[in-house]
C-alpha atoms as a PDB file:
ATOM      1  CA  MET A   1      43.478  43.465 -22.771  1.00  0.00           C
ATOM      2  CA  GLU A   2      40.784  45.573 -22.968  1.00  0.00           C
ATOM      3  CA  GLU A   3      36.798  43.603 -23.984  1.00  0.00           C
ATOM      4  CA  THR A   4      36.223  43.174 -27.753  1.00  0.00           C
ATOM      5  CA  GLU A   5      33.563  42.049 -29.582  1.00  0.00           C
ATOM      6  CA  ILE A   6      33.271  38.240 -31.122  1.00  0.00           C
ATOM      7  CA  GLY A   7      32.938  38.494 -34.653  1.00  0.00           C
ATOM      8  CA  GLU A   8      34.788  40.273 -37.479  1.00  0.00           C
ATOM      9  CA  VAL A   9      35.416  43.286 -35.309  1.00  0.00           C
ATOM     10  CA  GLY A  10      37.125  41.636 -32.848  1.00  0.00           C
ATOM     11  CA  VAL A  11      39.122  39.587 -35.220  1.00  0.00           C
ATOM     12  CA  ASP A  12      40.521  42.889 -36.851  1.00  0.00           C
ATOM     13  CA  LYS A  13      41.422  44.488 -33.267  1.00  0.00           C
ATOM     14  CA  LEU A  14      43.390  41.116 -32.860  1.00  0.00           C
ATOM     15  CA  ASN A  15      45.343  41.436 -35.878  1.00  0.00           C
ATOM     16  CA  GLU A  16      46.007  44.963 -35.508  1.00  0.00           C
ATOM     17  CA  ARG A  17      47.402  44.218 -31.896  1.00  0.00           C
ATOM     18  CA  ALA A  18      49.586  41.303 -33.628  1.00  0.00           C
ATOM     19  CA  GLN A  19      50.833  43.469 -35.847  1.00  0.00           C
ATOM     20  CA  GLU A  20      51.835  46.208 -33.676  1.00  0.00           C
ATOM     21  CA  LYS A  21      53.901  43.614 -31.554  1.00  0.00           C
ATOM     22  CA  ALA A  22      55.363  42.187 -34.480  1.00  0.00           C
ATOM     23  CA  ARG A  23      56.709  45.874 -34.936  1.00  0.00           C
ATOM     24  CA  GLU A  24      57.675  45.721 -31.698  1.00  0.00           C
ATOM     25  CA  GLY A  25      59.480  42.844 -31.907  1.00  0.00           C
ATOM     26  CA  LYS A  26      63.140  42.633 -31.226  1.00  0.00           C
ATOM     27  CA  SER A  27      65.972  41.595 -33.468  1.00  0.00           C
ATOM     28  CA  GLY A  28      65.940  37.679 -31.635  1.00  0.00           C
ATOM     29  CA  THR A  29      62.307  37.355 -32.899  1.00  0.00           C
ATOM     30  CA  PRO A  30      62.309  37.694 -36.302  1.00  0.00           C
ATOM     31  CA  TRP A  31      59.523  34.626 -36.439  1.00  0.00           C
ATOM     32  CA  LEU A  32      57.198  37.717 -35.344  1.00  0.00           C
ATOM     33  CA  ARG A  33      57.526  38.977 -38.919  1.00  0.00           C
ATOM     34  CA  TRP A  34      56.261  36.342 -40.316  1.00  0.00           C
ATOM     35  CA  LEU A  35      53.686  36.321 -37.782  1.00  0.00           C
ATOM     36  CA  ALA A  36      52.163  39.734 -39.153  1.00  0.00           C
ATOM     37  CA  LEU A  37      52.395  38.798 -42.635  1.00  0.00           C
ATOM     38  CA  SER A  38      50.713  35.517 -42.209  1.00  0.00           C
ATOM     39  CA  THR A  39      48.051  37.168 -39.943  1.00  0.00           C
ATOM     40  CA  ALA A  40      47.797  39.765 -42.892  1.00  0.00           C
ATOM     41  CA  LEU A  41      47.341  37.221 -45.717  1.00  0.00           C
ATOM     42  CA  PHE A  42      44.897  35.018 -43.402  1.00  0.00           C
ATOM     43  CA  ALA A  43      42.725  38.536 -43.126  1.00  0.00           C
ATOM     44  CA  VAL A  44      42.631  38.984 -47.074  1.00  0.00           C
ATOM     45  CA  LEU A  45      41.605  35.595 -47.746  1.00  0.00           C
ATOM     46  CA  ALA A  46      39.147  35.842 -44.694  1.00  0.00           C
ATOM     47  CA  ALA A  47      37.828  39.004 -46.454  1.00  0.00           C
ATOM     48  CA  ILE A  48      37.624  37.276 -50.379  1.00  0.00           C
ATOM     49  CA  ALA A  49      35.621  34.290 -48.673  1.00  0.00           C
ATOM     50  CA  SER A  50      33.269  36.431 -46.463  1.00  0.00           C
ATOM     51  CA  LEU A  51      32.370  38.126 -49.920  1.00  0.00           C
ATOM     52  CA  LYS A  52      31.833  35.079 -52.258  1.00  0.00           C
ATOM     53  CA  SER A  53      30.109  33.495 -49.389  1.00  0.00           C
ATOM     54  CA  GLY A  54      27.653  36.367 -49.328  1.00  0.00           C
ATOM     55  CA  GLN A  55      27.347  36.490 -52.827  1.00  0.00           C
ATOM     56  CA  LEU A  56      26.552  32.687 -52.673  1.00  0.00           C
ATOM     57  CA  ALA A  57      23.816  33.297 -49.863  1.00  0.00           C
ATOM     58  CA  ASN A  58      22.038  35.893 -51.925  1.00  0.00           C
ATOM     59  CA  GLU A  59      22.310  34.069 -55.379  1.00  0.00           C
ATOM     60  CA  SER A  60      20.657  31.127 -53.434  1.00  0.00           C
ATOM     61  CA  LEU A  61      18.017  33.410 -52.023  1.00  0.00           C
ATOM     62  CA  LEU A  62      17.253  34.682 -55.519  1.00  0.00           C
ATOM     63  CA  ARG A  63      16.775  31.393 -56.698  1.00  0.00           C
ATOM     64  CA  MET A  64      14.544  30.165 -54.305  1.00  0.00           C
ATOM     65  CA  ASN A  65      12.440  33.417 -54.771  1.00  0.00           C
ATOM     66  CA  GLU A  66      12.131  32.280 -58.523  1.00  0.00           C
ATOM     67  CA  ALA A  67      11.323  28.923 -57.424  1.00  0.00           C
ATOM     68  CA  THR A  68       8.183  29.989 -55.340  1.00  0.00           C
ATOM     69  CA  LEU A  69       7.246  32.472 -58.192  1.00  0.00           C
ATOM     70  CA  LYS A  70       7.378  29.772 -60.619  1.00  0.00           C
ATOM     71  CA  GLN A  71       5.239  27.382 -57.953  1.00  0.00           C
ATOM     72  CA  ALA A  72       2.589  30.161 -57.985  1.00  0.00           C
ATOM     73  CA  GLN A  73       2.443  30.014 -61.675  1.00  0.00           C
ATOM     74  CA  ALA A  74       1.998  26.125 -61.908  1.00  0.00           C
ATOM     75  CA  SER A  75      -0.510  26.331 -59.311  1.00  0.00           C
ATOM     76  CA  ASP A  76      -2.376  29.237 -61.428  1.00  0.00           C
ATOM     77  CA  ALA A  77      -2.056  27.307 -64.613  1.00  0.00           C
ATOM     78  CA  TRP A  78      -3.469  23.985 -62.935  1.00  0.00           C
ATOM     79  CA  SER A  79      -6.346  26.356 -61.438  1.00  0.00           C
ATOM     80  CA  TYR A  80      -6.898  26.917 -64.923  1.00  0.00           C
ATOM     81  CA  TYR A  81      -6.782  23.667 -66.146  1.00  0.00           C
ATOM     82  CA  GLN A  82      -9.636  22.690 -63.397  1.00  0.00           C
ATOM     83  CA  ALA A  83     -11.693  25.760 -65.008  1.00  0.00           C
ATOM     84  CA  LYS A  84     -11.605  23.906 -68.429  1.00  0.00           C
ATOM     85  CA  GLY A  85     -12.100  20.883 -67.414  1.00  0.00           C
ATOM     86  CA  ILE A  86     -15.429  21.925 -65.480  1.00  0.00           C
ATOM     87  CA  LYS A  87     -16.484  23.590 -68.826  1.00  0.00           C
ATOM     88  CA  GLU A  88     -15.999  20.751 -70.732  1.00  0.00           C
ATOM     89  CA  VAL A  89     -17.817  18.558 -68.751  1.00  0.00           C
ATOM     90  CA  THR A  90     -20.546  21.376 -68.457  1.00  0.00           C
ATOM     91  CA  ARG A  91     -20.623  21.514 -72.560  1.00  0.00           C
ATOM     92  CA  GLU A  92     -20.924  17.425 -72.300  1.00  0.00           C
ATOM     93  CA  ALA A  93     -23.998  17.309 -70.034  1.00  0.00           C
ATOM     94  CA  GLU A  94     -25.510  19.814 -72.136  1.00  0.00           C
ATOM     95  CA  MET A  95     -25.218  18.369 -75.242  1.00  0.00           C
ATOM     96  CA  ASP A  96     -26.223  15.226 -73.328  1.00  0.00           C
ATOM     97  CA  MET A  97     -29.725  17.183 -72.164  1.00  0.00           C
ATOM     98  CA  LEU A  98     -29.919  18.727 -75.940  1.00  0.00           C
ATOM     99  CA  SER A  99     -29.810  14.800 -77.399  1.00  0.00           C
ATOM    100  CA  ALA A 100     -32.630  13.801 -75.234  1.00  0.00           C
ATOM    101  CA  SER A 101     -34.677  16.814 -75.958  1.00  0.00           C
ATOM    102  CA  GLY A 102     -34.593  16.268 -79.459  1.00  0.00           C
ATOM    103  CA  ALA A 103     -32.646  19.647 -80.023  1.00  0.00           C
ATOM    104  CA  PRO A 104     -31.736  20.100 -83.315  1.00  0.00           C
ATOM    105  CA  LEU A 105     -27.814  18.774 -84.547  1.00  0.00           C
ATOM    106  CA  ASP A 106     -26.651  22.116 -85.466  1.00  0.00           C
ATOM    107  CA  ALA A 107     -26.868  22.992 -81.995  1.00  0.00           C
ATOM    108  CA  ILE A 108     -25.469  19.740 -80.479  1.00  0.00           C
ATOM    109  CA  THR A 109     -22.795  19.960 -83.081  1.00  0.00           C
ATOM    110  CA  LYS A 110     -21.978  23.665 -81.719  1.00  0.00           C
ATOM    111  CA  VAL A 111     -22.189  22.536 -77.974  1.00  0.00           C
ATOM    112  CA  ARG A 112     -19.899  19.706 -78.954  1.00  0.00           C
ATOM    113  CA  ALA A 113     -17.395  21.870 -80.944  1.00  0.00           C
ATOM    114  CA  GLU A 114     -17.374  24.112 -77.606  1.00  0.00           C
ATOM    115  CA  ALA A 115     -16.427  20.704 -75.286  1.00  0.00           C
ATOM    116  CA  ASP A 116     -13.845  19.466 -77.666  1.00  0.00           C
ATOM    117  CA  ARG A 117     -12.144  23.020 -77.866  1.00  0.00           C
ATOM    118  CA  TYR A 118     -11.979  22.995 -73.905  1.00  0.00           C
ATOM    119  CA  LYS A 119     -10.494  19.617 -73.774  1.00  0.00           C
ATOM    120  CA  SER A 120      -7.964  20.867 -76.225  1.00  0.00           C
ATOM    121  CA  GLU A 121      -7.125  24.058 -74.211  1.00  0.00           C
ATOM    122  CA  GLN A 122      -6.910  21.609 -71.266  1.00  0.00           C
ATOM    123  CA  GLU A 123      -4.347  19.699 -72.956  1.00  0.00           C
ATOM    124  CA  ASP A 124      -2.238  23.059 -73.545  1.00  0.00           C
ATOM    125  CA  ILE A 125      -2.606  24.223 -69.977  1.00  0.00           C
ATOM    126  CA  GLN A 126      -1.094  20.880 -68.723  1.00  0.00           C
ATOM    127  CA  LYS A 127       1.899  21.218 -70.520  1.00  0.00           C
ATOM    128  CA  GLU A 128       2.548  24.880 -69.209  1.00  0.00           C
ATOM    129  CA  ALA A 129       1.929  23.785 -65.933  1.00  0.00           C
ATOM    130  CA  ARG A 130       4.124  20.868 -66.057  1.00  0.00           C
ATOM    131  CA  ARG A 131       6.706  23.211 -67.696  1.00  0.00           C
ATOM    132  CA  LEU A 132       6.571  25.486 -64.605  1.00  0.00           C
ATOM    133  CA  GLU A 133       7.259  22.601 -62.198  1.00  0.00           C
ATOM    134  CA  GLN A 134       9.908  21.434 -63.807  1.00  0.00           C
ATOM    135  CA  GLU A 135      11.108  25.212 -64.000  1.00  0.00           C
ATOM    136  CA  GLN A 136      10.548  25.250 -60.402  1.00  0.00           C
ATOM    137  CA  ARG A 137      12.344  22.169 -59.363  1.00  0.00           C
ATOM    138  CA  ASP A 138      15.492  23.263 -61.168  1.00  0.00           C
ATOM    139  CA  LEU A 139      15.386  26.902 -59.655  1.00  0.00           C
ATOM    140  CA  THR A 140      15.200  24.845 -55.990  1.00  0.00           C
ATOM    141  CA  GLU A 141      18.128  22.568 -56.820  1.00  0.00           C
ATOM    142  CA  LYS A 142      20.489  25.464 -57.994  1.00  0.00           C
ATOM    143  CA  SER A 143      19.442  27.415 -55.021  1.00  0.00           C
ATOM    144  CA  ARG A 144      20.588  24.297 -52.928  1.00  0.00           C
ATOM    145  CA  GLN A 145      23.753  23.923 -54.781  1.00  0.00           C
ATOM    146  CA  TYR A 146      24.371  27.836 -53.984  1.00  0.00           C
ATOM    147  CA  LEU A 147      23.500  27.697 -50.287  1.00  0.00           C
ATOM    148  CA  GLU A 148      25.983  24.101 -50.354  1.00  0.00           C
ATOM    149  CA  ARG A 149      28.932  26.683 -51.593  1.00  0.00           C
ATOM    150  CA  HIS A 150      27.993  29.367 -49.224  1.00  0.00           C
ATOM    151  CA  HIS A 151      28.334  26.806 -46.454  1.00  0.00           C
ATOM    152  CA  ARG A 152      31.660  25.891 -48.139  1.00  0.00           C
ATOM    153  CA  PHE A 153      32.826  29.630 -48.126  1.00  0.00           C
ATOM    154  CA  ALA A 154      31.592  30.424 -44.436  1.00  0.00           C
ATOM    155  CA  TYR A 155      33.384  27.193 -43.270  1.00  0.00           C
ATOM    156  CA  ALA A 156      36.983  28.795 -44.624  1.00  0.00           C
ATOM    157  CA  VAL A 157      36.023  32.440 -43.372  1.00  0.00           C
ATOM    158  CA  THR A 158      35.592  30.556 -39.927  1.00  0.00           C
ATOM    159  CA  MET A 159      38.785  28.745 -39.930  1.00  0.00           C
ATOM    160  CA  LEU A 160      40.786  31.816 -41.276  1.00  0.00           C
ATOM    161  CA  GLN A 161      39.218  34.172 -38.620  1.00  0.00           C
ATOM    162  CA  VAL A 162      40.442  31.339 -36.094  1.00  0.00           C
ATOM    163  CA  ALA A 163      43.828  31.795 -37.775  1.00  0.00           C
ATOM    164  CA  ILE A 164      43.939  35.110 -37.183  1.00  0.00           C
ATOM    165  CA  GLY A 165      42.572  35.040 -33.475  1.00  0.00           C
ATOM    166  CA  LEU A 166      45.376  32.748 -32.504  1.00  0.00           C
ATOM    167  CA  SER A 167      47.849  34.607 -34.590  1.00  0.00           C
ATOM    168  CA  ALA A 168      47.209  37.812 -32.528  1.00  0.00           C
ATOM    169  CA  ILE A 169      47.208  35.468 -29.318  1.00  0.00           C
ATOM    170  CA  ALA A 170      50.737  33.899 -30.353  1.00  0.00           C
ATOM    171  CA  ALA A 171      52.043  37.710 -30.781  1.00  0.00           C
ATOM    172  CA  LEU A 172      50.570  38.985 -27.260  1.00  0.00           C
ATOM    173  CA  ILE A 173      52.183  35.666 -25.451  1.00  0.00           C
ATOM    174  CA  GLU A 174      55.420  35.743 -27.975  1.00  0.00           C
ATOM    175  CA  ARG A 175      54.802  31.626 -28.442  1.00  0.00           C
ATOM    176  CA  ARG A 176      56.270  30.319 -31.852  1.00  0.00           C
ATOM    177  CA  GLY A 177      53.986  27.105 -30.988  1.00  0.00           C
ATOM    178  CA  MET A 178      51.064  28.750 -30.937  1.00  0.00           C
ATOM    179  CA  TRP A 179      51.957  30.327 -34.366  1.00  0.00           C
ATOM    180  CA  LEU A 180      52.749  27.363 -35.918  1.00  0.00           C
ATOM    181  CA  ILE A 181      48.784  26.006 -34.687  1.00  0.00           C
ATOM    182  CA  ALA A 182      47.278  29.264 -36.406  1.00  0.00           C
ATOM    183  CA  LEU A 183      49.550  28.367 -39.454  1.00  0.00           C
ATOM    184  CA  LEU A 184      47.351  25.092 -39.833  1.00  0.00           C
ATOM    185  CA  GLY A 185      44.705  26.384 -38.615  1.00  0.00           C
ATOM    186  CA  GLY A 186      45.261  29.085 -41.852  1.00  0.00           C
ATOM    187  CA  ILE A 187      46.039  26.492 -44.160  1.00  0.00           C
ATOM    188  CA  ALA A 188      42.888  24.053 -43.450  1.00  0.00           C
ATOM    189  CA  GLY A 189      40.877  27.817 -44.085  1.00  0.00           C
ATOM    190  CA  LEU A 190      43.155  28.063 -47.679  1.00  0.00           C
ATOM    191  CA  GLY A 191      42.440  24.412 -48.258  1.00  0.00           C
ATOM    192  CA  LEU A 192      38.501  25.378 -47.267  1.00  0.00           C
ATOM    193  CA  LEU A 193      38.751  28.388 -49.407  1.00  0.00           C
ATOM    194  CA  LEU A 194      40.308  26.486 -52.743  1.00  0.00           C
ATOM    195  CA  TYR A 195      37.613  23.774 -52.334  1.00  0.00           C
ATOM    196  CA  SER A 196      34.891  25.861 -52.136  1.00  0.00           C
ATOM    197  CA  VAL A 197      36.420  27.720 -55.645  1.00  0.00           C
ATOM    198  CA  LEU A 198      36.321  24.544 -57.341  1.00  0.00           C
END
């Protein structure tokens, strides 16, 4: 047997060989037809699981990117919050200096109004920063969930590819026992696929 790549290409070549062997099968070995059918079914299921696994990995990355953006926005909001706090403290210090120097009441009142405005703005900014942080946490959790489902589909793909490989070996050595082991692997892969869908 020629050397093949490990991975999907190698599994495809093994699958082709198994089907060729089944076509060459004698009338005394009808199980080879069932072997070819089961191998083809495993290949279809592996392709579906692989597609879904890739989709979930992409969704996970997308949500993580969105979470990173929300974290940056929250960080910007907290910086803005601090800037407003510094302005408030500066205005309060200015108000104290005006009071100590005997400045007119309307000048002190004007500075007090500015300090109060900064404090009010700071409260709004704080609410926004906390909202952004919550969105970041929610997106991070969603990303984790997508990644967890991606792994389940990836395990299903792996089991189905192992079943395909074992089926090909069973066809090449014409051992029904090896095919039964491949069927067990395929059933395990199908079980993982169904679990992943739910």
